[in-house]
PDB file of N, CA and C in Angstrom:
ATOM      1  N   UNK A   1      13.925   3.029 -32.224  1.00  0.00           N
ATOM      2  CA  UNK A   1      13.327   1.861 -31.626  1.00  0.00           C
ATOM      3  C   UNK A   1      13.988   0.641 -32.263  1.00  0.00           C
ATOM      4  N   UNK A   2      14.592  -0.190 -31.408  1.00  0.00           N
ATOM      5  CA  UNK A   2      15.329  -1.319 -31.977  1.00  0.00           C
ATOM      6  C   UNK A   2      14.388  -2.392 -32.524  1.00  0.00           C
ATOM      7  N   UNK A   3      14.966  -3.303 -33.269  1.00  0.00           N
ATOM      8  CA  UNK A   3      14.180  -4.308 -33.984  1.00  0.00           C
ATOM      9  C   UNK A   3      13.453  -5.257 -33.043  1.00  0.00           C
ATOM     10  N   UNK A   4      14.062  -5.581 -31.922  1.00  0.00           N
ATOM     11  CA  UNK A   4      13.420  -6.481 -30.960  1.00  0.00           C
ATOM     12  C   UNK A   4      12.163  -5.852 -30.364  1.00  0.00           C
ATOM     13  N   UNK A   5      12.240  -4.581 -30.027  1.00  0.00           N
ATOM     14  CA  UNK A   5      11.070  -3.893 -29.469  1.00  0.00           C
ATOM     15  C   UNK A   5       9.985  -3.761 -30.531  1.00  0.00           C
ATOM     16  N   UNK A   6      10.374  -3.463 -31.768  1.00  0.00           N
ATOM     17  CA  UNK A   6       9.386  -3.403 -32.850  1.00  0.00           C
ATOM     18  C   UNK A   6       8.640  -4.730 -32.960  1.00  0.00           C
ATOM     19  N   UNK A   7       9.356  -5.830 -32.878  1.00  0.00           N
ATOM     20  CA  UNK A   7       8.720  -7.139 -32.994  1.00  0.00           C
ATOM     21  C   UNK A   7       7.790  -7.396 -31.817  1.00  0.00           C
ATOM     22  N   UNK A   8       8.203  -6.991 -30.615  1.00  0.00           N
ATOM     23  CA  UNK A   8       7.335  -7.166 -29.439  1.00  0.00           C
ATOM     24  C   UNK A   8       6.040  -6.389 -29.596  1.00  0.00           C
ATOM     25  N   UNK A   9       6.149  -5.145 -30.050  1.00  0.00           N
ATOM     26  CA  UNK A   9       4.960  -4.314 -30.251  1.00  0.00           C
ATOM     27  C   UNK A   9       4.053  -4.947 -31.299  1.00  0.00           C
ATOM     28  N   UNK A  10       4.632  -5.424 -32.375  1.00  0.00           N
ATOM     29  CA  UNK A  10       3.846  -6.062 -33.446  1.00  0.00           C
ATOM     30  C   UNK A  10       3.144  -7.310 -32.917  1.00  0.00           C
ATOM     31  N   UNK A  11       3.866  -8.144 -32.170  1.00  0.00           N
ATOM     32  CA  UNK A  11       3.285  -9.377 -31.621  1.00  0.00           C
ATOM     33  C   UNK A  11       2.154  -9.077 -30.638  1.00  0.00           C
ATOM     34  N   UNK A  12       2.373  -8.106 -29.743  1.00  0.00           N
ATOM     35  CA  UNK A  12       1.340  -7.748 -28.762  1.00  0.00           C
ATOM     36  C   UNK A  12       0.103  -7.176 -29.452  1.00  0.00           C
ATOM     37  N   UNK A  13       0.307  -6.424 -30.506  1.00  0.00           N
ATOM     38  CA  UNK A  13      -0.810  -5.854 -31.249  1.00  0.00           C
ATOM     39  C   UNK A  13      -1.610  -6.950 -31.949  1.00  0.00           C
ATOM     40  N   UNK A  14      -0.914  -7.910 -32.521  1.00  0.00           N
ATOM     41  CA  UNK A  14      -1.604  -9.034 -33.168  1.00  0.00           C
ATOM     42  C   UNK A  14      -2.375  -9.861 -32.135  1.00  0.00           C
ATOM     43  N   UNK A  15      -1.803 -10.032 -30.965  1.00  0.00           N
ATOM     44  CA  UNK A  15      -2.424 -10.843 -29.925  1.00  0.00           C
ATOM     45  C   UNK A  15      -3.632 -10.156 -29.287  1.00  0.00           C
ATOM     46  N   UNK A  16      -3.516  -8.856 -28.996  1.00  0.00           N
ATOM     47  CA  UNK A  16      -4.538  -8.145 -28.218  1.00  0.00           C
ATOM     48  C   UNK A  16      -5.405  -7.190 -29.036  1.00  0.00           C
ATOM     49  N   UNK A  17      -5.009  -6.888 -30.263  1.00  0.00           N
ATOM     50  CA  UNK A  17      -5.740  -5.929 -31.087  1.00  0.00           C
ATOM     51  C   UNK A  17      -5.226  -4.513 -30.878  1.00  0.00           C
ATOM     52  N   UNK A  18      -5.062  -3.788 -31.958  1.00  0.00           N
ATOM     53  CA  UNK A  18      -4.494  -2.437 -31.903  1.00  0.00           C
ATOM     54  C   UNK A  18      -5.293  -1.498 -31.007  1.00  0.00           C
ATOM     55  N   UNK A  19      -6.608  -1.694 -30.951  1.00  0.00           N
ATOM     56  CA  UNK A  19      -7.448  -0.826 -30.117  1.00  0.00           C
ATOM     57  C   UNK A  19      -7.198  -1.035 -28.626  1.00  0.00           C
ATOM     58  N   UNK A  20      -6.505  -2.115 -28.266  1.00  0.00           N
ATOM     59  CA  UNK A  20      -6.230  -2.437 -26.860  1.00  0.00           C
ATOM     60  C   UNK A  20      -4.781  -2.219 -26.451  1.00  0.00           C
ATOM     61  N   UNK A  21      -3.981  -1.621 -27.333  1.00  0.00           N
ATOM     62  CA  UNK A  21      -2.563  -1.415 -27.056  1.00  0.00           C
ATOM     63  C   UNK A  21      -2.255   0.075 -27.020  1.00  0.00           C
ATOM     64  N   UNK A  22      -1.611   0.499 -25.940  1.00  0.00           N
ATOM     65  CA  UNK A  22      -1.101   1.865 -25.821  1.00  0.00           C
ATOM     66  C   UNK A  22       0.392   1.745 -25.553  1.00  0.00           C
ATOM     67  N   UNK A  23       1.199   2.449 -26.325  1.00  0.00           N
ATOM     68  CA  UNK A  23       2.641   2.413 -26.158  1.00  0.00           C
ATOM     69  C   UNK A  23       3.063   3.650 -25.366  1.00  0.00           C
ATOM     70  N   UNK A  24       3.856   3.424 -24.328  1.00  0.00           N
ATOM     71  CA  UNK A  24       4.402   4.518 -23.524  1.00  0.00           C
ATOM     72  C   UNK A  24       5.906   4.509 -23.726  1.00  0.00           C
ATOM     73  N   UNK A  25       6.424   5.635 -24.200  1.00  0.00           N
ATOM     74  CA  UNK A  25       7.857   5.744 -24.458  1.00  0.00           C
ATOM     75  C   UNK A  25       8.493   6.732 -23.496  1.00  0.00           C
ATOM     76  N   UNK A  26       9.813   6.757 -23.473  1.00  0.00           N
ATOM     77  CA  UNK A  26      10.506   7.633 -22.544  1.00  0.00           C
ATOM     78  C   UNK A  26      11.733   8.293 -23.118  1.00  0.00           C
ATOM     79  N   UNK A  27      11.791   8.454 -24.431  1.00  0.00           N
ATOM     80  CA  UNK A  27      12.956   9.087 -25.060  1.00  0.00           C
ATOM     81  C   UNK A  27      13.219  10.477 -24.502  1.00  0.00           C
ATOM     82  N   UNK A  28      14.495  10.834 -24.419  1.00  0.00           N
ATOM     83  CA  UNK A  28      14.898  12.080 -23.778  1.00  0.00           C
ATOM     84  C   UNK A  28      14.778  13.314 -24.667  1.00  0.00           C
ATOM     85  N   UNK A  29      14.579  13.128 -25.956  1.00  0.00           N
ATOM     86  CA  UNK A  29      14.489  14.262 -26.869  1.00  0.00           C
ATOM     87  C   UNK A  29      13.219  14.139 -27.715  1.00  0.00           C
ATOM     88  N   UNK A  30      12.670  15.266 -28.081  1.00  0.00           N
ATOM     89  CA  UNK A  30      11.452  15.278 -28.878  1.00  0.00           C
ATOM     90  C   UNK A  30      11.593  14.537 -30.181  1.00  0.00           C
ATOM     91  N   UNK A  31      12.711  14.734 -30.873  1.00  0.00           N
ATOM     92  CA  UNK A  31      12.902  14.105 -32.181  1.00  0.00           C
ATOM     93  C   UNK A  31      12.970  12.583 -32.065  1.00  0.00           C
ATOM     94  N   UNK A  32      13.721  12.077 -31.104  1.00  0.00           N
ATOM     95  CA  UNK A  32      13.825  10.622 -30.960  1.00  0.00           C
ATOM     96  C   UNK A  32      12.512  10.025 -30.464  1.00  0.00           C
ATOM     97  N   UNK A  33      11.818  10.731 -29.579  1.00  0.00           N
ATOM     98  CA  UNK A  33      10.513  10.267 -29.110  1.00  0.00           C
ATOM     99  C   UNK A  33       9.524  10.247 -30.274  1.00  0.00           C
ATOM    100  N   UNK A  34       9.580  11.261 -31.114  1.00  0.00           N
ATOM    101  CA  UNK A  34       8.706  11.328 -32.273  1.00  0.00           C
ATOM    102  C   UNK A  34       8.970  10.206 -33.258  1.00  0.00           C
ATOM    103  N   UNK A  35      10.227   9.850 -33.440  1.00  0.00           N
ATOM    104  CA  UNK A  35      10.582   8.757 -34.337  1.00  0.00           C
ATOM    105  C   UNK A  35      10.040   7.436 -33.814  1.00  0.00           C
ATOM    106  N   UNK A  36      10.158   7.209 -32.516  1.00  0.00           N
ATOM    107  CA  UNK A  36       9.601   5.990 -31.918  1.00  0.00           C
ATOM    108  C   UNK A  36       8.081   5.974 -32.047  1.00  0.00           C
ATOM    109  N   UNK A  37       7.468   7.118 -31.801  1.00  0.00           N
ATOM    110  CA  UNK A  37       6.008   7.217 -31.909  1.00  0.00           C
ATOM    111  C   UNK A  37       5.549   6.952 -33.339  1.00  0.00           C
ATOM    112  N   UNK A  38       6.250   7.515 -34.293  1.00  0.00           N
ATOM    113  CA  UNK A  38       5.900   7.297 -35.694  1.00  0.00           C
ATOM    114  C   UNK A  38       6.056   5.822 -36.073  1.00  0.00           C
ATOM    115  N   UNK A  39       7.072   5.178 -35.537  1.00  0.00           N
ATOM    116  CA  UNK A  39       7.321   3.772 -35.850  1.00  0.00           C
ATOM    117  C   UNK A  39       6.141   2.890 -35.458  1.00  0.00           C
ATOM    118  N   UNK A  40       5.571   3.110 -34.269  1.00  0.00           N
ATOM    119  CA  UNK A  40       4.465   2.255 -33.817  1.00  0.00           C
ATOM    120  C   UNK A  40       3.110   2.711 -34.355  1.00  0.00           C
ATOM    121  N   UNK A  41       3.051   3.886 -34.919  1.00  0.00           N
ATOM    122  CA  UNK A  41       1.788   4.384 -35.483  1.00  0.00           C
ATOM    123  C   UNK A  41       1.726   4.218 -36.995  1.00  0.00           C
ATOM    124  N   UNK A  42       2.771   4.689 -37.679  1.00  0.00           N
ATOM    125  CA  UNK A  42       2.757   4.718 -39.143  1.00  0.00           C
ATOM    126  C   UNK A  42       3.629   3.653 -39.788  1.00  0.00           C
ATOM    127  N   UNK A  43       4.499   3.038 -39.012  1.00  0.00           N
ATOM    128  CA  UNK A  43       5.440   2.058 -39.553  1.00  0.00           C
ATOM    129  C   UNK A  43       6.853   2.592 -39.464  1.00  0.00           C
ATOM    130  N   UNK A  44       7.812   1.699 -39.511  1.00  0.00           N
ATOM    131  CA  UNK A  44       9.222   2.071 -39.378  1.00  0.00           C
ATOM    132  C   UNK A  44       9.651   2.950 -40.548  1.00  0.00           C
ATOM    133  N   UNK A  45       9.962   4.231 -40.268  1.00  0.00           N
ATOM    134  CA  UNK A  45      10.333   5.138 -41.361  1.00  0.00           C
ATOM    135  C   UNK A  45      11.685   4.802 -41.994  1.00  0.00           C
ATOM    136  N   UNK A  46      12.488   3.967 -41.329  1.00  0.00           N
ATOM    137  CA  UNK A  46      13.776   3.572 -41.904  1.00  0.00           C
ATOM    138  C   UNK A  46      13.624   2.336 -42.788  1.00  0.00           C
ATOM    139  N   UNK A  47      12.447   1.722 -42.773  1.00  0.00           N
ATOM    140  CA  UNK A  47      12.152   0.512 -43.550  1.00  0.00           C
ATOM    141  C   UNK A  47      13.144  -0.609 -43.266  1.00  0.00           C
ATOM    142  N   UNK A  48      13.591  -0.704 -41.989  1.00  0.00           N
ATOM    143  CA  UNK A  48      14.591  -1.706 -41.638  1.00  0.00           C
ATOM    144  C   UNK A  48      14.070  -2.760 -40.675  1.00  0.00           C
ATOM    145  N   UNK A  49      12.981  -2.488 -39.991  1.00  0.00           N
ATOM    146  CA  UNK A  49      12.537  -3.387 -38.944  1.00  0.00           C
ATOM    147  C   UNK A  49      11.239  -4.106 -39.244  1.00  0.00           C
ATOM    148  N   UNK A  50      10.759  -4.873 -38.269  1.00  0.00           N
ATOM    149  CA  UNK A  50       9.509  -5.619 -38.427  1.00  0.00           C
ATOM    150  C   UNK A  50       8.296  -4.737 -38.701  1.00  0.00           C
ATOM    151  N   UNK A  51       8.375  -3.464 -38.364  1.00  0.00           N
ATOM    152  CA  UNK A  51       7.248  -2.561 -38.612  1.00  0.00           C
ATOM    153  C   UNK A  51       7.409  -1.749 -39.898  1.00  0.00           C
ATOM    154  N   UNK A  52       8.376  -2.122 -40.724  1.00  0.00           N
ATOM    155  CA  UNK A  52       8.560  -1.450 -42.017  1.00  0.00           C
ATOM    156  C   UNK A  52       7.310  -1.659 -42.859  1.00  0.00           C
ATOM    157  N   UNK A  53       6.672  -0.565 -43.221  1.00  0.00           N
ATOM    158  CA  UNK A  53       5.472  -0.637 -44.037  1.00  0.00           C
ATOM    159  C   UNK A  53       4.240  -1.136 -43.303  1.00  0.00           C
ATOM    160  N   UNK A  54       4.323  -1.250 -41.970  1.00  0.00           N
ATOM    161  CA  UNK A  54       3.206  -1.749 -41.162  1.00  0.00           C
ATOM    162  C   UNK A  54       2.652  -0.594 -40.329  1.00  0.00           C
ATOM    163  N   UNK A  55       1.548  -0.036 -40.741  1.00  0.00           N
ATOM    164  CA  UNK A  55       0.927   1.080 -40.022  1.00  0.00           C
ATOM    165  C   UNK A  55      -0.057   0.522 -38.999  1.00  0.00           C
ATOM    166  N   UNK A  56       0.391   0.389 -37.760  1.00  0.00           N
ATOM    167  CA  UNK A  56      -0.458  -0.163 -36.709  1.00  0.00           C
ATOM    168  C   UNK A  56      -1.479   0.852 -36.192  1.00  0.00           C
ATOM    169  N   UNK A  57      -1.184   2.136 -36.347  1.00  0.00           N
ATOM    170  CA  UNK A  57      -2.095   3.178 -35.884  1.00  0.00           C
ATOM    171  C   UNK A  57      -2.208   3.259 -34.376  1.00  0.00           C
ATOM    172  N   UNK A  58      -1.211   2.730 -33.667  1.00  0.00           N
ATOM    173  CA  UNK A  58      -1.294   2.674 -32.212  1.00  0.00           C
ATOM    174  C   UNK A  58      -1.257   4.048 -31.571  1.00  0.00           C
ATOM    175  N   UNK A  59      -1.893   4.119 -30.425  1.00  0.00           N
ATOM    176  CA  UNK A  59      -1.837   5.312 -29.602  1.00  0.00           C
ATOM    177  C   UNK A  59      -0.522   5.265 -28.830  1.00  0.00           C
ATOM    178  N   UNK A  60       0.234   6.335 -28.877  1.00  0.00           N
ATOM    179  CA  UNK A  60       1.534   6.360 -28.218  1.00  0.00           C
ATOM    180  C   UNK A  60       1.693   7.660 -27.437  1.00  0.00           C
ATOM    181  N   UNK A  61       2.182   7.515 -26.215  1.00  0.00           N
ATOM    182  CA  UNK A  61       2.367   8.648 -25.311  1.00  0.00           C
ATOM    183  C   UNK A  61       3.761   8.602 -24.716  1.00  0.00           C
ATOM    184  N   UNK A  62       4.242   9.758 -24.315  1.00  0.00           N
ATOM    185  CA  UNK A  62       5.501   9.839 -23.577  1.00  0.00           C
ATOM    186  C   UNK A  62       5.161   9.810 -22.099  1.00  0.00           C
ATOM    187  N   UNK A  63       6.029   9.236 -21.321  1.00  0.00           N
ATOM    188  CA  UNK A  63       5.773   9.074 -19.889  1.00  0.00           C
ATOM    189  C   UNK A  63       5.541  10.412 -19.180  1.00  0.00           C
ATOM    190  N   UNK A  64       6.029  11.521 -19.728  1.00  0.00           N
ATOM    191  CA  UNK A  64       5.840  12.819 -19.075  1.00  0.00           C
ATOM    192  C   UNK A  64       4.552  13.526 -19.486  1.00  0.00           C
ATOM    193  N   UNK A  65       3.776  12.930 -20.382  1.00  0.00           N
ATOM    194  CA  UNK A  65       2.518  13.562 -20.787  1.00  0.00           C
ATOM    195  C   UNK A  65       1.478  13.407 -19.683  1.00  0.00           C
ATOM    196  N   UNK A  66       0.602  14.399 -19.589  1.00  0.00           N
ATOM    197  CA  UNK A  66      -0.398  14.428 -18.518  1.00  0.00           C
ATOM    198  C   UNK A  66      -1.247  13.168 -18.453  1.00  0.00           C
ATOM    199  N   UNK A  67      -1.622  12.618 -19.616  1.00  0.00           N
ATOM    200  CA  UNK A  67      -2.468  11.427 -19.630  1.00  0.00           C
ATOM    201  C   UNK A  67      -1.827  10.257 -18.884  1.00  0.00           C
ATOM    202  N   UNK A  68      -0.526  10.117 -19.021  1.00  0.00           N
ATOM    203  CA  UNK A  68       0.198   9.032 -18.352  1.00  0.00           C
ATOM    204  C   UNK A  68       0.490   9.405 -16.905  1.00  0.00           C
ATOM    205  N   UNK A  69       0.912  10.622 -16.703  1.00  0.00           N
ATOM    206  CA  UNK A  69       1.234  11.093 -15.351  1.00  0.00           C
ATOM    207  C   UNK A  69       0.017  10.974 -14.430  1.00  0.00           C
ATOM    208  N   UNK A  70      -1.157  11.331 -14.923  1.00  0.00           N
ATOM    209  CA  UNK A  70      -2.377  11.274 -14.116  1.00  0.00           C
ATOM    210  C   UNK A  70      -2.823   9.839 -13.828  1.00  0.00           C
ATOM    211  N   UNK A  71      -2.473   8.919 -14.700  1.00  0.00           N
ATOM    212  CA  UNK A  71      -2.869   7.520 -14.519  1.00  0.00           C
ATOM    213  C   UNK A  71      -1.936   6.770 -13.560  1.00  0.00           C
ATOM    214  N   UNK A  72      -0.773   7.333 -13.305  1.00  0.00           N
ATOM    215  CA  UNK A  72       0.218   6.670 -12.463  1.00  0.00           C
ATOM    216  C   UNK A  72       0.049   7.059 -10.995  1.00  0.00           C
ATOM    217  N   UNK A  73       0.506   6.194 -10.115  1.00  0.00           N
ATOM    218  CA  UNK A  73       0.575   6.511  -8.698  1.00  0.00           C
ATOM    219  C   UNK A  73       1.531   7.692  -8.535  1.00  0.00           C
ATOM    220  N   UNK A  74       1.096   8.745  -7.850  1.00  0.00           N
ATOM    221  CA  UNK A  74       1.877   9.981  -7.745  1.00  0.00           C
ATOM    222  C   UNK A  74       3.248   9.754  -7.117  1.00  0.00           C
ATOM    223  N   UNK A  75       3.320   8.946  -6.084  1.00  0.00           N
ATOM    224  CA  UNK A  75       4.593   8.686  -5.423  1.00  0.00           C
ATOM    225  C   UNK A  75       5.569   7.932  -6.305  1.00  0.00           C
ATOM    226  N   UNK A  76       5.065   6.926  -6.975  1.00  0.00           N
ATOM    227  CA  UNK A  76       5.908   6.135  -7.877  1.00  0.00           C
ATOM    228  C   UNK A  76       6.359   7.002  -9.047  1.00  0.00           C
ATOM    229  N   UNK A  77       5.437   7.786  -9.601  1.00  0.00           N
ATOM    230  CA  UNK A  77       5.791   8.648 -10.726  1.00  0.00           C
ATOM    231  C   UNK A  77       6.891   9.621 -10.310  1.00  0.00           C
ATOM    232  N   UNK A  78       6.731  10.249  -9.159  1.00  0.00           N
ATOM    233  CA  UNK A  78       7.724  11.215  -8.695  1.00  0.00           C
ATOM    234  C   UNK A  78       9.081  10.543  -8.490  1.00  0.00           C
ATOM    235  N   UNK A  79       9.063   9.370  -7.908  1.00  0.00           N
ATOM    236  CA  UNK A  79      10.308   8.634  -7.661  1.00  0.00           C
ATOM    237  C   UNK A  79      11.008   8.242  -8.959  1.00  0.00           C
ATOM    238  N   UNK A  80      10.245   7.791  -9.936  1.00  0.00           N
ATOM    239  CA  UNK A  80      10.815   7.275 -11.172  1.00  0.00           C
ATOM    240  C   UNK A  80      11.022   8.339 -12.259  1.00  0.00           C
ATOM    241  N   UNK A  81      10.210   9.386 -12.260  1.00  0.00           N
ATOM    242  CA  UNK A  81      10.237  10.348 -13.370  1.00  0.00           C
ATOM    243  C   UNK A  81      10.467  11.792 -12.941  1.00  0.00           C
ATOM    244  N   UNK A  82      10.400  12.065 -11.657  1.00  0.00           N
ATOM    245  CA  UNK A  82      10.504  13.440 -11.180  1.00  0.00           C
ATOM    246  C   UNK A  82      11.762  14.156 -11.638  1.00  0.00           C
ATOM    247  N   UNK A  83      12.902  13.496 -11.513  1.00  0.00           N
ATOM    248  CA  UNK A  83      14.169  14.116 -11.938  1.00  0.00           C
ATOM    249  C   UNK A  83      14.193  14.329 -13.450  1.00  0.00           C
ATOM    250  N   UNK A  84      13.615  13.394 -14.164  1.00  0.00           N
ATOM    251  CA  UNK A  84      13.583  13.487 -15.617  1.00  0.00           C
ATOM    252  C   UNK A  84      12.841  14.746 -16.063  1.00  0.00           C
ATOM    253  N   UNK A  85      11.750  15.045 -15.386  1.00  0.00           N
ATOM    254  CA  UNK A  85      10.964  16.216 -15.760  1.00  0.00           C
ATOM    255  C   UNK A  85      11.743  17.515 -15.626  1.00  0.00           C
ATOM    256  N   UNK A  86      12.721  17.531 -14.733  1.00  0.00           N
ATOM    257  CA  UNK A  86      13.490  18.762 -14.510  1.00  0.00           C
ATOM    258  C   UNK A  86      14.519  19.012 -15.603  1.00  0.00           C
ATOM    259  N   UNK A  87      14.898  17.996 -16.353  1.00  0.00           N
ATOM    260  CA  UNK A  87      15.962  18.181 -17.341  1.00  0.00           C
ATOM    261  C   UNK A  87      15.490  18.062 -18.783  1.00  0.00           C
ATOM    262  N   UNK A  88      14.295  17.535 -19.000  1.00  0.00           N
ATOM    263  CA  UNK A  88      13.791  17.372 -20.362  1.00  0.00           C
ATOM    264  C   UNK A  88      13.054  18.609 -20.848  1.00  0.00           C
ATOM    265  N   UNK A  89      13.028  18.777 -22.150  1.00  0.00           N
ATOM    266  CA  UNK A  89      12.209  19.826 -22.758  1.00  0.00           C
ATOM    267  C   UNK A  89      10.816  19.224 -22.974  1.00  0.00           C
ATOM    268  N   UNK A  90      10.004  19.311 -21.926  1.00  0.00           N
ATOM    269  CA  UNK A  90       8.688  18.674 -21.919  1.00  0.00           C
ATOM    270  C   UNK A  90       7.815  19.177 -23.060  1.00  0.00           C
ATOM    271  N   UNK A  91       7.797  20.482 -23.277  1.00  0.00           N
ATOM    272  CA  UNK A  91       6.951  21.049 -24.330  1.00  0.00           C
ATOM    273  C   UNK A  91       7.313  20.499 -25.707  1.00  0.00           C
ATOM    274  N   UNK A  92       8.599  20.382 -25.982  1.00  0.00           N
ATOM    275  CA  UNK A  92       9.039  19.849 -27.276  1.00  0.00           C
ATOM    276  C   UNK A  92       8.573  18.400 -27.442  1.00  0.00           C
ATOM    277  N   UNK A  93       8.741  17.602 -26.403  1.00  0.00           N
ATOM    278  CA  UNK A  93       8.344  16.199 -26.455  1.00  0.00           C
ATOM    279  C   UNK A  93       6.835  16.070 -26.642  1.00  0.00           C
ATOM    280  N   UNK A  94       6.070  16.799 -25.844  1.00  0.00           N
ATOM    281  CA  UNK A  94       4.613  16.725 -25.911  1.00  0.00           C
ATOM    282  C   UNK A  94       4.111  17.168 -27.287  1.00  0.00           C
ATOM    283  N   UNK A  95       4.661  18.253 -27.794  1.00  0.00           N
ATOM    284  CA  UNK A  95       4.240  18.735 -29.116  1.00  0.00           C
ATOM    285  C   UNK A  95       4.543  17.717 -30.204  1.00  0.00           C
ATOM    286  N   UNK A  96       5.689  17.086 -30.119  1.00  0.00           N
ATOM    287  CA  UNK A  96       6.074  16.072 -31.109  1.00  0.00           C
ATOM    288  C   UNK A  96       5.118  14.879 -31.067  1.00  0.00           C
ATOM    289  N   UNK A  97       4.816  14.389 -29.867  1.00  0.00           N
ATOM    290  CA  UNK A  97       3.938  13.221 -29.739  1.00  0.00           C
ATOM    291  C   UNK A  97       2.505  13.557 -30.156  1.00  0.00           C
ATOM    292  N   UNK A  98       2.032  14.736 -29.795  1.00  0.00           N
ATOM    293  CA  UNK A  98       0.686  15.138 -30.208  1.00  0.00           C
ATOM    294  C   UNK A  98       0.592  15.198 -31.728  1.00  0.00           C
ATOM    295  N   UNK A  99       1.630  15.699 -32.359  1.00  0.00           N
ATOM    296  CA  UNK A  99       1.659  15.797 -33.813  1.00  0.00           C
ATOM    297  C   UNK A  99       1.599  14.413 -34.459  1.00  0.00           C
ATOM    298  N   UNK A 100       2.369  13.477 -33.929  1.00  0.00           N
ATOM    299  CA  UNK A 100       2.372  12.113 -34.476  1.00  0.00           C
ATOM    300  C   UNK A 100       1.012  11.462 -34.261  1.00  0.00           C
ATOM    301  N   UNK A 101       0.445  11.618 -33.059  1.00  0.00           N
ATOM    302  CA  UNK A 101      -0.883  11.023 -32.795  1.00  0.00           C
ATOM    303  C   UNK A 101      -1.934  11.588 -33.736  1.00  0.00           C
ATOM    304  N   UNK A 102      -1.903  12.893 -33.927  1.00  0.00           N
ATOM    305  CA  UNK A 102      -2.886  13.544 -34.786  1.00  0.00           C
ATOM    306  C   UNK A 102      -2.799  13.029 -36.220  1.00  0.00           C
ATOM    307  N   UNK A 103      -1.592  12.811 -36.690  1.00  0.00           N
ATOM    308  CA  UNK A 103      -1.405  12.394 -38.074  1.00  0.00           C
ATOM    309  C   UNK A 103      -1.594  10.898 -38.300  1.00  0.00           C
ATOM    310  N   UNK A 104      -1.150  10.066 -37.342  1.00  0.00           N
ATOM    311  CA  UNK A 104      -1.084   8.631 -37.619  1.00  0.00           C
ATOM    312  C   UNK A 104      -1.910   7.717 -36.721  1.00  0.00           C
ATOM    313  N   UNK A 105      -2.226   8.134 -35.504  1.00  0.00           N
ATOM    314  CA  UNK A 105      -2.893   7.223 -34.571  1.00  0.00           C
ATOM    315  C   UNK A 105      -4.356   7.014 -34.963  1.00  0.00           C
ATOM    316  N   UNK A 106      -4.786   5.772 -34.901  1.00  0.00           N
ATOM    317  CA  UNK A 106      -6.185   5.437 -35.170  1.00  0.00           C
ATOM    318  C   UNK A 106      -6.960   5.267 -33.863  1.00  0.00           C
ATOM    319  N   UNK A 107      -6.232   5.133 -32.761  1.00  0.00           N
ATOM    320  CA  UNK A 107      -6.850   4.864 -31.458  1.00  0.00           C
ATOM    321  C   UNK A 107      -6.335   5.878 -30.447  1.00  0.00           C
ATOM    322  N   UNK A 108      -7.085   6.064 -29.362  1.00  0.00           N
ATOM    323  CA  UNK A 108      -6.636   6.980 -28.312  1.00  0.00           C
ATOM    324  C   UNK A 108      -7.034   6.411 -26.957  1.00  0.00           C
ATOM    325  N   UNK A 109      -6.510   7.021 -25.934  1.00  0.00           N
ATOM    326  CA  UNK A 109      -6.856   6.584 -24.568  1.00  0.00           C
ATOM    327  C   UNK A 109      -8.298   6.873 -24.263  1.00  0.00           C
TER     328      UNK A 109
END
């Protein structure tokens, strides 16, 4: 997660409150998605960005998780994410995000 996005997440959380912010990510691999999820929940693990040492505890989901898929318009979701679902290792991504939420998230949907 680049430094600009980290700052946006931090600013939005300060403005709206952590309990009102849900981050939806779309990384193509479980490991990279997990790193992004950890960054917005526990703080930047590289200690390089605005979220270094800042544990926001945010709830974070991947766009292919059921919670997000069910909340989206089915036609739009299929158009925007349908092809992605065919090539990604969904189970790996979901397991990684669930693990991060369980360990670090203070809020949930």
